[in-house]
Amino acid sequence: MKEWGVPDNYICQGFVVLGYIDGQQPASEPRKPGRVQIIE
């Protein structure tokens, strides 16, 4: 986690949601700055 810049006091969790919604895609709420980090 250090090589990705995750502070020592953070716990990494991951979620994967698979499937399709029934209807229109709802608008997503804005993310808080610095709260989401995508690592490829």
PDB file of N, CA and C in Angstrom:
ATOM      1  N   MET A   1       0.816  -1.186   0.000  1.00  0.00           N
ATOM      2  CA  MET A   1       0.000   0.000   0.000  1.00  0.00           C
ATOM      3  C   MET A   1       0.861   1.251   0.000  1.00  0.00           C
ATOM      4  N   LYS A   2       2.052   1.153   0.559  1.00  0.00           N
ATOM      5  CA  LYS A   2       2.927   2.337   0.590  1.00  0.00           C
ATOM      6  C   LYS A   2       3.322   2.784  -0.809  1.00  0.00           C
ATOM      7  N   GLU A   3       3.558   1.818  -1.710  1.00  0.00           N
ATOM      8  CA  GLU A   3       3.973   2.198  -3.069  1.00  0.00           C
ATOM      9  C   GLU A   3       2.858   2.926  -3.826  1.00  0.00           C
ATOM     10  N   TRP A   4       1.595   2.760  -3.384  1.00  0.00           N
ATOM     11  CA  TRP A   4       0.472   3.447  -4.007  1.00  0.00           C
ATOM     12  C   TRP A   4       0.125   4.743  -3.291  1.00  0.00           C
ATOM     13  N   GLY A   5       0.841   5.078  -2.223  1.00  0.00           N
ATOM     14  CA  GLY A   5       0.595   6.321  -1.520  1.00  0.00           C
ATOM     15  C   GLY A   5      -0.554   6.264  -0.524  1.00  0.00           C
ATOM     16  N   VAL A   6      -0.900   5.054  -0.057  1.00  0.00           N
ATOM     17  CA  VAL A   6      -1.978   4.905   0.925  1.00  0.00           C
ATOM     18  C   VAL A   6      -1.372   5.080   2.318  1.00  0.00           C
ATOM     19  N   PRO A   7      -1.885   6.024   3.115  1.00  0.00           N
ATOM     20  CA  PRO A   7      -1.343   6.228   4.459  1.00  0.00           C
ATOM     21  C   PRO A   7      -1.466   4.980   5.341  1.00  0.00           C
ATOM     22  N   ASP A   8      -0.582   4.858   6.327  1.00  0.00           N
ATOM     23  CA  ASP A   8      -0.553   3.683   7.203  1.00  0.00           C
ATOM     24  C   ASP A   8      -1.855   3.486   7.983  1.00  0.00           C
ATOM     25  N   ASN A   9      -2.557   4.562   8.293  1.00  0.00           N
ATOM     26  CA  ASN A   9      -3.768   4.422   9.099  1.00  0.00           C
ATOM     27  C   ASN A   9      -5.023   4.168   8.255  1.00  0.00           C
ATOM     28  N   TYR A  10      -4.884   3.887   6.965  1.00  0.00           N
ATOM     29  CA  TYR A  10      -6.016   3.595   6.097  1.00  0.00           C
ATOM     30  C   TYR A  10      -6.163   2.088   5.922  1.00  0.00           C
ATOM     31  N   ILE A  11      -7.395   1.643   5.738  1.00  0.00           N
ATOM     32  CA  ILE A  11      -7.685   0.252   5.429  1.00  0.00           C
ATOM     33  C   ILE A  11      -8.265   0.221   4.020  1.00  0.00           C
ATOM     34  N   CYS A  12      -7.664  -0.567   3.146  1.00  0.00           N
ATOM     35  CA  CYS A  12      -8.161  -0.651   1.768  1.00  0.00           C
ATOM     36  C   CYS A  12      -9.284  -1.670   1.689  1.00  0.00           C
ATOM     37  N   GLN A  13     -10.347  -1.288   1.002  1.00  0.00           N
ATOM     38  CA  GLN A  13     -11.477  -2.172   0.748  1.00  0.00           C
ATOM     39  C   GLN A  13     -11.819  -2.067  -0.730  1.00  0.00           C
ATOM     40  N   GLY A  14     -12.291  -3.114  -1.269  1.00  0.00           N
ATOM     41  CA  GLY A  14     -12.673  -3.083  -2.667  1.00  0.00           C
ATOM     42  C   GLY A  14     -14.060  -3.658  -2.864  1.00  0.00           C
ATOM     43  N   PHE A  15     -14.764  -3.132  -3.846  1.00  0.00           N
ATOM     44  CA  PHE A  15     -16.113  -3.587  -4.143  1.00  0.00           C
ATOM     45  C   PHE A  15     -16.252  -3.765  -5.650  1.00  0.00           C
ATOM     46  N   VAL A  16     -16.903  -4.819  -6.034  1.00  0.00           N
ATOM     47  CA  VAL A  16     -17.208  -5.053  -7.443  1.00  0.00           C
ATOM     48  C   VAL A  16     -18.693  -5.347  -7.536  1.00  0.00           C
ATOM     49  N   VAL A  17     -19.395  -4.557  -8.319  1.00  0.00           N
ATOM     50  CA  VAL A  17     -20.827  -4.762  -8.508  1.00  0.00           C
ATOM     51  C   VAL A  17     -21.035  -5.157  -9.966  1.00  0.00           C
ATOM     52  N   LEU A  18     -21.649  -6.303 -10.176  1.00  0.00           N
ATOM     53  CA  LEU A  18     -21.890  -6.804 -11.527  1.00  0.00           C
ATOM     54  C   LEU A  18     -23.386  -6.885 -11.771  1.00  0.00           C
ATOM     55  N   GLY A  19     -23.787  -6.542 -12.964  1.00  0.00           N
ATOM     56  CA  GLY A  19     -25.196  -6.653 -13.319  1.00  0.00           C
ATOM     57  C   GLY A  19     -25.665  -5.427 -14.089  1.00  0.00           C
ATOM     58  N   TYR A  20     -26.936  -5.383 -14.341  1.00  0.00           N
ATOM     59  CA  TYR A  20     -27.560  -4.296 -15.093  1.00  0.00           C
ATOM     60  C   TYR A  20     -28.722  -3.743 -14.277  1.00  0.00           C
ATOM     61  N   ILE A  21     -28.941  -2.436 -14.378  1.00  0.00           N
ATOM     62  CA  ILE A  21     -30.081  -1.847 -13.707  1.00  0.00           C
ATOM     63  C   ILE A  21     -31.318  -2.012 -14.575  1.00  0.00           C
ATOM     64  N   ASP A  22     -32.470  -1.988 -13.957  1.00  0.00           N
ATOM     65  CA  ASP A  22     -33.734  -2.071 -14.679  1.00  0.00           C
ATOM     66  C   ASP A  22     -34.282  -0.660 -14.799  1.00  0.00           C
ATOM     67  N   GLY A  23     -33.983  -0.003 -15.905  1.00  0.00           N
ATOM     68  CA  GLY A  23     -34.442   1.362 -16.099  1.00  0.00           C
ATOM     69  C   GLY A  23     -33.287   2.297 -16.433  1.00  0.00           C
ATOM     70  N   GLN A  24     -33.478   3.577 -16.154  1.00  0.00           N
ATOM     71  CA  GLN A  24     -32.479   4.596 -16.478  1.00  0.00           C
ATOM     72  C   GLN A  24     -31.348   4.616 -15.450  1.00  0.00           C
ATOM     73  N   GLN A  25     -30.172   4.968 -15.908  1.00  0.00           N
ATOM     74  CA  GLN A  25     -29.011   5.097 -15.031  1.00  0.00           C
ATOM     75  C   GLN A  25     -29.185   6.342 -14.150  1.00  0.00           C
ATOM     76  N   PRO A  26     -29.182   6.190 -12.812  1.00  0.00           N
ATOM     77  CA  PRO A  26     -29.316   7.370 -11.960  1.00  0.00           C
ATOM     78  C   PRO A  26     -28.043   8.214 -11.980  1.00  0.00           C
ATOM     79  N   ALA A  27     -28.187   9.500 -11.711  1.00  0.00           N
ATOM     80  CA  ALA A  27     -27.023  10.393 -11.658  1.00  0.00           C
ATOM     81  C   ALA A  27     -26.227  10.082 -10.392  1.00  0.00           C
ATOM     82  N   SER A  28     -24.918  10.036 -10.524  1.00  0.00           N
ATOM     83  CA  SER A  28     -24.083   9.757  -9.348  1.00  0.00           C
ATOM     84  C   SER A  28     -23.791  11.059  -8.604  1.00  0.00           C
ATOM     85  N   GLU A  29     -23.595  10.930  -7.306  1.00  0.00           N
ATOM     86  CA  GLU A  29     -23.273  12.095  -6.495  1.00  0.00           C
ATOM     87  C   GLU A  29     -21.781  12.399  -6.621  1.00  0.00           C
ATOM     88  N   PRO A  30     -21.393  13.659  -6.484  1.00  0.00           N
ATOM     89  CA  PRO A  30     -19.973  14.001  -6.620  1.00  0.00           C
ATOM     90  C   PRO A  30     -19.128  13.342  -5.525  1.00  0.00           C
ATOM     91  N   ARG A  31     -17.931  12.949  -5.893  1.00  0.00           N
ATOM     92  CA  ARG A  31     -17.000  12.318  -4.956  1.00  0.00           C
ATOM     93  C   ARG A  31     -16.273  13.382  -4.156  1.00  0.00           C
ATOM     94  N   LYS A  32     -15.913  13.058  -2.923  1.00  0.00           N
ATOM     95  CA  LYS A  32     -15.113  13.967  -2.111  1.00  0.00           C
ATOM     96  C   LYS A  32     -13.674  13.914  -2.624  1.00  0.00           C
ATOM     97  N   PRO A  33     -13.002  15.054  -2.726  1.00  0.00           N
ATOM     98  CA  PRO A  33     -11.627  15.055  -3.244  1.00  0.00           C
ATOM     99  C   PRO A  33     -10.706  14.189  -2.380  1.00  0.00           C
ATOM    100  N   GLY A  34      -9.884  13.383  -3.049  1.00  0.00           N
ATOM    101  CA  GLY A  34      -8.894  12.583  -2.350  1.00  0.00           C
ATOM    102  C   GLY A  34      -9.433  11.319  -1.721  1.00  0.00           C
ATOM    103  N   ARG A  35     -10.713  11.006  -1.902  1.00  0.00           N
ATOM    104  CA  ARG A  35     -11.311   9.829  -1.260  1.00  0.00           C
ATOM    105  C   ARG A  35     -11.306   8.606  -2.156  1.00  0.00           C
ATOM    106  N   VAL A  36     -11.138   8.804  -3.467  1.00  0.00           N
ATOM    107  CA  VAL A  36     -11.156   7.695  -4.413  1.00  0.00           C
ATOM    108  C   VAL A  36      -9.824   7.667  -5.139  1.00  0.00           C
ATOM    109  N   GLN A  37      -9.204   6.476  -5.172  1.00  0.00           N
ATOM    110  CA  GLN A  37      -7.951   6.317  -5.909  1.00  0.00           C
ATOM    111  C   GLN A  37      -8.050   5.046  -6.717  1.00  0.00           C
ATOM    112  N   ILE A  38      -7.900   5.142  -8.036  1.00  0.00           N
ATOM    113  CA  ILE A  38      -7.954   4.000  -8.915  1.00  0.00           C
ATOM    114  C   ILE A  38      -6.527   3.579  -9.233  1.00  0.00           C
ATOM    115  N   ILE A  39      -6.221   2.314  -8.947  1.00  0.00           N
ATOM    116  CA  ILE A  39      -4.881   1.769  -9.166  1.00  0.00           C
ATOM    117  C   ILE A  39      -4.988   0.717 -10.241  1.00  0.00           C
ATOM    118  N   GLU A  40      -4.231   0.890 -11.307  1.00  0.00           N
ATOM    119  CA  GLU A  40      -4.263  -0.078 -12.405  1.00  0.00           C
ATOM    120  C   GLU A  40      -2.997  -0.889 -12.422  1.00  0.00           C
TER     121      GLU A  40
END
